[in-house]
Amino acid sequence: MKHTKILFITRAAMIAALYVVLTYLVNLLGLANGAIQVRISEALTILPAFSPAAIPGLFVGCVLSNTLTGCALWDIVFGSLATLIGAVGTYLLRSAKPILQPLPPILANTLIIPFVLKYVYGMTDGIPYLMLTVGIGEVISCGVLGLILHKVLQPHKDRIFAEE
């Protein structure tokens, strides 16, 4: 039992660290925040389909990433909650066809982040435009890259995500 808890915490911490590193690298290219964002780290939102430890890992990773990249407090809160909602949704769809698993993070971020951009950062673009740009970035990150990651991990899931 103790071994399982340690494994869960370690796995969550590794996912959080990977999320932070990937977000930081994409931030150097100016694509981690703003109206047009393609967070490669959001591809990791497919991981709850393999392990529930990914849920806290993604949430903590997003909180740390948003803090380290200089996001406003409300962006840290609501951006991280969008990732948490998406991760829980992916976990709930873990038995569904893989093509459906990226939908929760795509929808959560597309519906939440535009309001953060508009009302926290004062972007003058309309909400529909921001939903379009954020949505496209999420489709690229979660839909395309997430599904590629799923395809790569699937044959090895029993070794990588084993409980012992």
C-alpha atoms as a PDB file:
ATOM      1  CA  MET A   1       0.000   0.000   0.000  1.00  0.00           C
ATOM      2  CA  LYS A   2       2.769   2.438   0.944  1.00  0.00           C
ATOM      3  CA  HIS A   3       4.645   1.520  -2.253  1.00  0.00           C
ATOM      4  CA  THR A   4       1.553   2.353  -4.338  1.00  0.00           C
ATOM      5  CA  LYS A   5       1.228   5.815  -2.732  1.00  0.00           C
ATOM      6  CA  ILE A   6       4.896   6.563  -3.328  1.00  0.00           C
ATOM      7  CA  LEU A   7       4.569   5.444  -6.949  1.00  0.00           C
ATOM      8  CA  PHE A   8       1.470   7.641  -7.403  1.00  0.00           C
ATOM      9  CA  ILE A   9       3.193  10.716  -5.944  1.00  0.00           C
ATOM     10  CA  THR A  10       6.384  10.079  -7.922  1.00  0.00           C
ATOM     11  CA  ARG A  11       4.464   9.625 -11.165  1.00  0.00           C
ATOM     12  CA  ALA A  12       2.441  12.812 -10.527  1.00  0.00           C
ATOM     13  CA  ALA A  13       5.633  14.756  -9.737  1.00  0.00           C
ATOM     14  CA  MET A  14       7.335  13.540 -12.912  1.00  0.00           C
ATOM     15  CA  ILE A  15       4.340  14.574 -15.016  1.00  0.00           C
ATOM     16  CA  ALA A  16       4.255  17.980 -13.298  1.00  0.00           C
ATOM     17  CA  ALA A  17       7.963  18.482 -13.962  1.00  0.00           C
ATOM     18  CA  LEU A  18       7.591  17.476 -17.611  1.00  0.00           C
ATOM     19  CA  TYR A  19       4.650  19.874 -18.010  1.00  0.00           C
ATOM     20  CA  VAL A  20       6.723  22.717 -16.540  1.00  0.00           C
ATOM     21  CA  VAL A  21       9.748  22.024 -18.755  1.00  0.00           C
ATOM     22  CA  LEU A  22       7.656  21.770 -21.928  1.00  0.00           C
ATOM     23  CA  THR A  23       5.711  24.946 -21.100  1.00  0.00           C
ATOM     24  CA  TYR A  24       8.908  26.828 -20.308  1.00  0.00           C
ATOM     25  CA  LEU A  25      10.464  25.815 -23.634  1.00  0.00           C
ATOM     26  CA  VAL A  26       7.353  26.825 -25.590  1.00  0.00           C
ATOM     27  CA  ASN A  27       7.230  30.081 -23.615  1.00  0.00           C
ATOM     28  CA  LEU A  28      10.672  30.930 -24.986  1.00  0.00           C
ATOM     29  CA  LEU A  29       9.026  30.868 -28.433  1.00  0.00           C
ATOM     30  CA  GLY A  30       6.172  33.069 -27.203  1.00  0.00           C
ATOM     31  CA  LEU A  31       3.539  30.356 -27.631  1.00  0.00           C
ATOM     32  CA  ALA A  32       2.696  29.458 -24.013  1.00  0.00           C
ATOM     33  CA  ASN A  33       0.377  32.384 -23.316  1.00  0.00           C
ATOM     34  CA  GLY A  34      -1.686  34.893 -25.272  1.00  0.00           C
ATOM     35  CA  ALA A  35      -4.428  34.794 -27.897  1.00  0.00           C
ATOM     36  CA  ILE A  36      -2.410  32.379 -30.010  1.00  0.00           C
ATOM     37  CA  GLN A  37      -0.975  29.642 -27.850  1.00  0.00           C
ATOM     38  CA  VAL A  38       0.188  26.148 -28.608  1.00  0.00           C
ATOM     39  CA  ARG A  39       1.296  24.654 -25.324  1.00  0.00           C
ATOM     40  CA  ILE A  40       3.005  21.433 -26.275  1.00  0.00           C
ATOM     41  CA  SER A  41       2.697  20.506 -22.597  1.00  0.00           C
ATOM     42  CA  GLU A  42      -1.078  20.237 -23.082  1.00  0.00           C
ATOM     43  CA  ALA A  43      -0.420  17.059 -25.081  1.00  0.00           C
ATOM     44  CA  LEU A  44       0.215  15.508 -21.668  1.00  0.00           C
ATOM     45  CA  THR A  45      -3.498  15.888 -20.879  1.00  0.00           C
ATOM     46  CA  ILE A  46      -3.882  12.490 -22.603  1.00  0.00           C
ATOM     47  CA  LEU A  47      -1.987  10.851 -19.711  1.00  0.00           C
ATOM     48  CA  PRO A  48      -5.014  10.477 -17.383  1.00  0.00           C
ATOM     49  CA  ALA A  49      -6.217   7.854 -19.877  1.00  0.00           C
ATOM     50  CA  PHE A  50      -3.265   5.788 -18.630  1.00  0.00           C
ATOM     51  CA  SER A  51      -2.870   6.833 -14.993  1.00  0.00           C
ATOM     52  CA  PRO A  52      -4.931   8.770 -12.448  1.00  0.00           C
ATOM     53  CA  ALA A  53      -1.643  10.204 -11.113  1.00  0.00           C
ATOM     54  CA  ALA A  54      -1.614  12.415 -14.196  1.00  0.00           C
ATOM     55  CA  ILE A  55      -4.548  14.436 -12.834  1.00  0.00           C
ATOM     56  CA  PRO A  56      -2.704  16.066  -9.901  1.00  0.00           C
ATOM     57  CA  GLY A  57       0.503  16.049 -11.941  1.00  0.00           C
ATOM     58  CA  LEU A  58      -1.043  18.111 -14.732  1.00  0.00           C
ATOM     59  CA  PHE A  59      -2.748  20.464 -12.281  1.00  0.00           C
ATOM     60  CA  VAL A  60       0.404  21.122 -10.263  1.00  0.00           C
ATOM     61  CA  GLY A  61       2.458  21.397 -13.452  1.00  0.00           C
ATOM     62  CA  CYS A  62       0.055  23.990 -14.840  1.00  0.00           C
ATOM     63  CA  VAL A  63       0.040  25.997 -11.579  1.00  0.00           C
ATOM     64  CA  LEU A  64       3.841  26.023 -11.537  1.00  0.00           C
ATOM     65  CA  SER A  65       4.112  26.798 -15.257  1.00  0.00           C
ATOM     66  CA  ASN A  66       1.656  29.674 -15.086  1.00  0.00           C
ATOM     67  CA  THR A  67       3.439  31.059 -12.036  1.00  0.00           C
ATOM     68  CA  LEU A  68       6.932  30.716 -13.531  1.00  0.00           C
ATOM     69  CA  THR A  69       5.947  32.267 -16.876  1.00  0.00           C
ATOM     70  CA  GLY A  70       4.580  35.357 -15.107  1.00  0.00           C
ATOM     71  CA  CYS A  71       0.860  34.854 -15.514  1.00  0.00           C
ATOM     72  CA  ALA A  72      -1.605  36.955 -13.536  1.00  0.00           C
ATOM     73  CA  LEU A  73      -3.145  35.393 -10.427  1.00  0.00           C
ATOM     74  CA  TRP A  74      -6.559  34.812 -12.053  1.00  0.00           C
ATOM     75  CA  ASP A  75      -4.848  33.139 -15.006  1.00  0.00           C
ATOM     76  CA  ILE A  76      -2.954  30.872 -12.630  1.00  0.00           C
ATOM     77  CA  VAL A  77      -6.245  29.971 -10.943  1.00  0.00           C
ATOM     78  CA  PHE A  78      -8.565  29.598 -13.933  1.00  0.00           C
ATOM     79  CA  GLY A  79      -5.969  28.311 -16.401  1.00  0.00           C
ATOM     80  CA  SER A  80      -4.963  25.603 -13.958  1.00  0.00           C
ATOM     81  CA  LEU A  81      -8.600  24.766 -13.250  1.00  0.00           C
ATOM     82  CA  ALA A  82      -9.207  24.405 -17.006  1.00  0.00           C
ATOM     83  CA  THR A  83      -6.348  21.907 -17.180  1.00  0.00           C
ATOM     84  CA  LEU A  84      -7.675  20.090 -14.091  1.00  0.00           C
ATOM     85  CA  ILE A  85     -11.185  19.861 -15.574  1.00  0.00           C
ATOM     86  CA  GLY A  86      -9.708  18.588 -18.834  1.00  0.00           C
ATOM     87  CA  ALA A  87      -7.557  16.002 -17.053  1.00  0.00           C
ATOM     88  CA  VAL A  88     -10.507  14.687 -15.034  1.00  0.00           C
ATOM     89  CA  GLY A  89     -12.573  14.516 -18.223  1.00  0.00           C
ATOM     90  CA  THR A  90      -9.852  12.550 -19.995  1.00  0.00           C
ATOM     91  CA  TYR A  91      -9.681  10.158 -17.056  1.00  0.00           C
ATOM     92  CA  LEU A  92     -13.449   9.664 -17.205  1.00  0.00           C
ATOM     93  CA  LEU A  93     -13.152   8.871 -20.927  1.00  0.00           C
ATOM     94  CA  ARG A  94     -10.223   6.448 -20.451  1.00  0.00           C
ATOM     95  CA  SER A  95     -12.338   3.524 -21.667  1.00  0.00           C
ATOM     96  CA  ALA A  96     -13.651   5.459 -24.671  1.00  0.00           C
ATOM     97  CA  LYS A  97     -12.080   5.498 -28.102  1.00  0.00           C
ATOM     98  CA  PRO A  98      -8.767   7.416 -27.988  1.00  0.00           C
ATOM     99  CA  ILE A  99     -10.078  10.014 -30.469  1.00  0.00           C
ATOM    100  CA  LEU A 100     -12.563  11.173 -27.786  1.00  0.00           C
ATOM    101  CA  GLN A 101     -10.082  11.426 -24.913  1.00  0.00           C
ATOM    102  CA  PRO A 102      -8.579  14.834 -25.870  1.00  0.00           C
ATOM    103  CA  LEU A 103     -12.021  16.480 -26.051  1.00  0.00           C
ATOM    104  CA  PRO A 104     -12.321  17.485 -22.355  1.00  0.00           C
ATOM    105  CA  PRO A 105      -9.094  19.547 -22.229  1.00  0.00           C
ATOM    106  CA  ILE A 106      -9.834  21.060 -25.643  1.00  0.00           C
ATOM    107  CA  LEU A 107     -13.323  22.109 -24.529  1.00  0.00           C
ATOM    108  CA  ALA A 108     -12.318  23.239 -21.027  1.00  0.00           C
ATOM    109  CA  ASN A 109      -9.542  25.487 -22.303  1.00  0.00           C
ATOM    110  CA  THR A 110     -11.543  26.771 -25.279  1.00  0.00           C
ATOM    111  CA  LEU A 111     -14.396  27.783 -22.992  1.00  0.00           C
ATOM    112  CA  ILE A 112     -12.414  29.177 -20.024  1.00  0.00           C
ATOM    113  CA  ILE A 113      -9.165  30.722 -21.314  1.00  0.00           C
ATOM    114  CA  PRO A 114     -10.744  33.301 -23.691  1.00  0.00           C
ATOM    115  CA  PHE A 115     -12.510  34.923 -20.731  1.00  0.00           C
ATOM    116  CA  VAL A 116      -9.209  35.034 -18.829  1.00  0.00           C
ATOM    117  CA  LEU A 117      -7.503  36.659 -21.829  1.00  0.00           C
ATOM    118  CA  LYS A 118     -10.304  39.193 -22.232  1.00  0.00           C
ATOM    119  CA  TYR A 119     -11.019  40.142 -18.619  1.00  0.00           C
ATOM    120  CA  VAL A 120      -7.696  39.500 -16.869  1.00  0.00           C
ATOM    121  CA  TYR A 121      -5.348  40.735 -19.577  1.00  0.00           C
ATOM    122  CA  GLY A 122      -7.720  43.186 -21.261  1.00  0.00           C
ATOM    123  CA  MET A 123      -7.311  41.778 -24.764  1.00  0.00           C
ATOM    124  CA  THR A 124      -9.511  43.724 -27.138  1.00  0.00           C
ATOM    125  CA  ASP A 125     -10.328  40.723 -29.329  1.00  0.00           C
ATOM    126  CA  GLY A 126     -13.842  39.340 -29.049  1.00  0.00           C
ATOM    127  CA  ILE A 127     -14.575  36.189 -27.075  1.00  0.00           C
ATOM    128  CA  PRO A 128     -15.529  34.212 -30.233  1.00  0.00           C
ATOM    129  CA  TYR A 129     -12.182  35.093 -31.853  1.00  0.00           C
ATOM    130  CA  LEU A 130     -10.290  34.114 -28.699  1.00  0.00           C
ATOM    131  CA  MET A 131     -12.255  30.856 -28.505  1.00  0.00           C
ATOM    132  CA  LEU A 132     -11.236  30.150 -32.084  1.00  0.00           C
ATOM    133  CA  THR A 133      -7.530  30.877 -31.530  1.00  0.00           C
ATOM    134  CA  VAL A 134      -7.308  29.073 -28.190  1.00  0.00           C
ATOM    135  CA  GLY A 135      -9.367  26.204 -29.585  1.00  0.00           C
ATOM    136  CA  ILE A 136      -7.068  25.778 -32.584  1.00  0.00           C
ATOM    137  CA  GLY A 137      -4.040  25.715 -30.279  1.00  0.00           C
ATOM    138  CA  GLU A 138      -5.711  23.116 -28.068  1.00  0.00           C
ATOM    139  CA  VAL A 139      -6.649  20.964 -31.057  1.00  0.00           C
ATOM    140  CA  ILE A 140      -3.001  21.032 -32.131  1.00  0.00           C
ATOM    141  CA  SER A 141      -1.669  20.350 -28.615  1.00  0.00           C
ATOM    142  CA  CYS A 142      -4.243  17.947 -27.188  1.00  0.00           C
ATOM    143  CA  GLY A 143      -5.855  16.574 -30.310  1.00  0.00           C
ATOM    144  CA  VAL A 144      -2.931  16.064 -32.653  1.00  0.00           C
ATOM    145  CA  LEU A 145       0.091  15.834 -30.343  1.00  0.00           C
ATOM    146  CA  GLY A 146      -1.907  14.177 -27.544  1.00  0.00           C
ATOM    147  CA  LEU A 147      -3.166  11.458 -29.859  1.00  0.00           C
ATOM    148  CA  ILE A 148       0.345  10.902 -31.210  1.00  0.00           C
ATOM    149  CA  LEU A 149       1.556  10.531 -27.621  1.00  0.00           C
ATOM    150  CA  HIS A 150      -1.307   8.113 -26.922  1.00  0.00           C
ATOM    151  CA  LYS A 151      -0.362   6.019 -29.976  1.00  0.00           C
ATOM    152  CA  VAL A 152       3.282   5.884 -28.845  1.00  0.00           C
ATOM    153  CA  LEU A 153       2.454   5.005 -25.223  1.00  0.00           C
ATOM    154  CA  GLN A 154      -0.349   2.485 -25.846  1.00  0.00           C
ATOM    155  CA  PRO A 155       1.873  -0.526 -26.671  1.00  0.00           C
ATOM    156  CA  HIS A 156       4.005   0.154 -23.572  1.00  0.00           C
ATOM    157  CA  LYS A 157       1.297   1.198 -21.100  1.00  0.00           C
ATOM    158  CA  ASP A 158       1.564  -1.951 -18.972  1.00  0.00           C
ATOM    159  CA  ARG A 159       5.270  -1.353 -18.372  1.00  0.00           C
ATOM    160  CA  ILE A 160       5.239   2.450 -18.064  1.00  0.00           C
ATOM    161  CA  PHE A 161       2.098   2.730 -15.955  1.00  0.00           C
ATOM    162  CA  ALA A 162       2.339  -0.522 -13.984  1.00  0.00           C
ATOM    163  CA  GLU A 163       1.222  -0.302 -10.389  1.00  0.00           C
ATOM    164  CA  GLU A 164       4.290  -2.156  -9.101  1.00  0.00           C
END
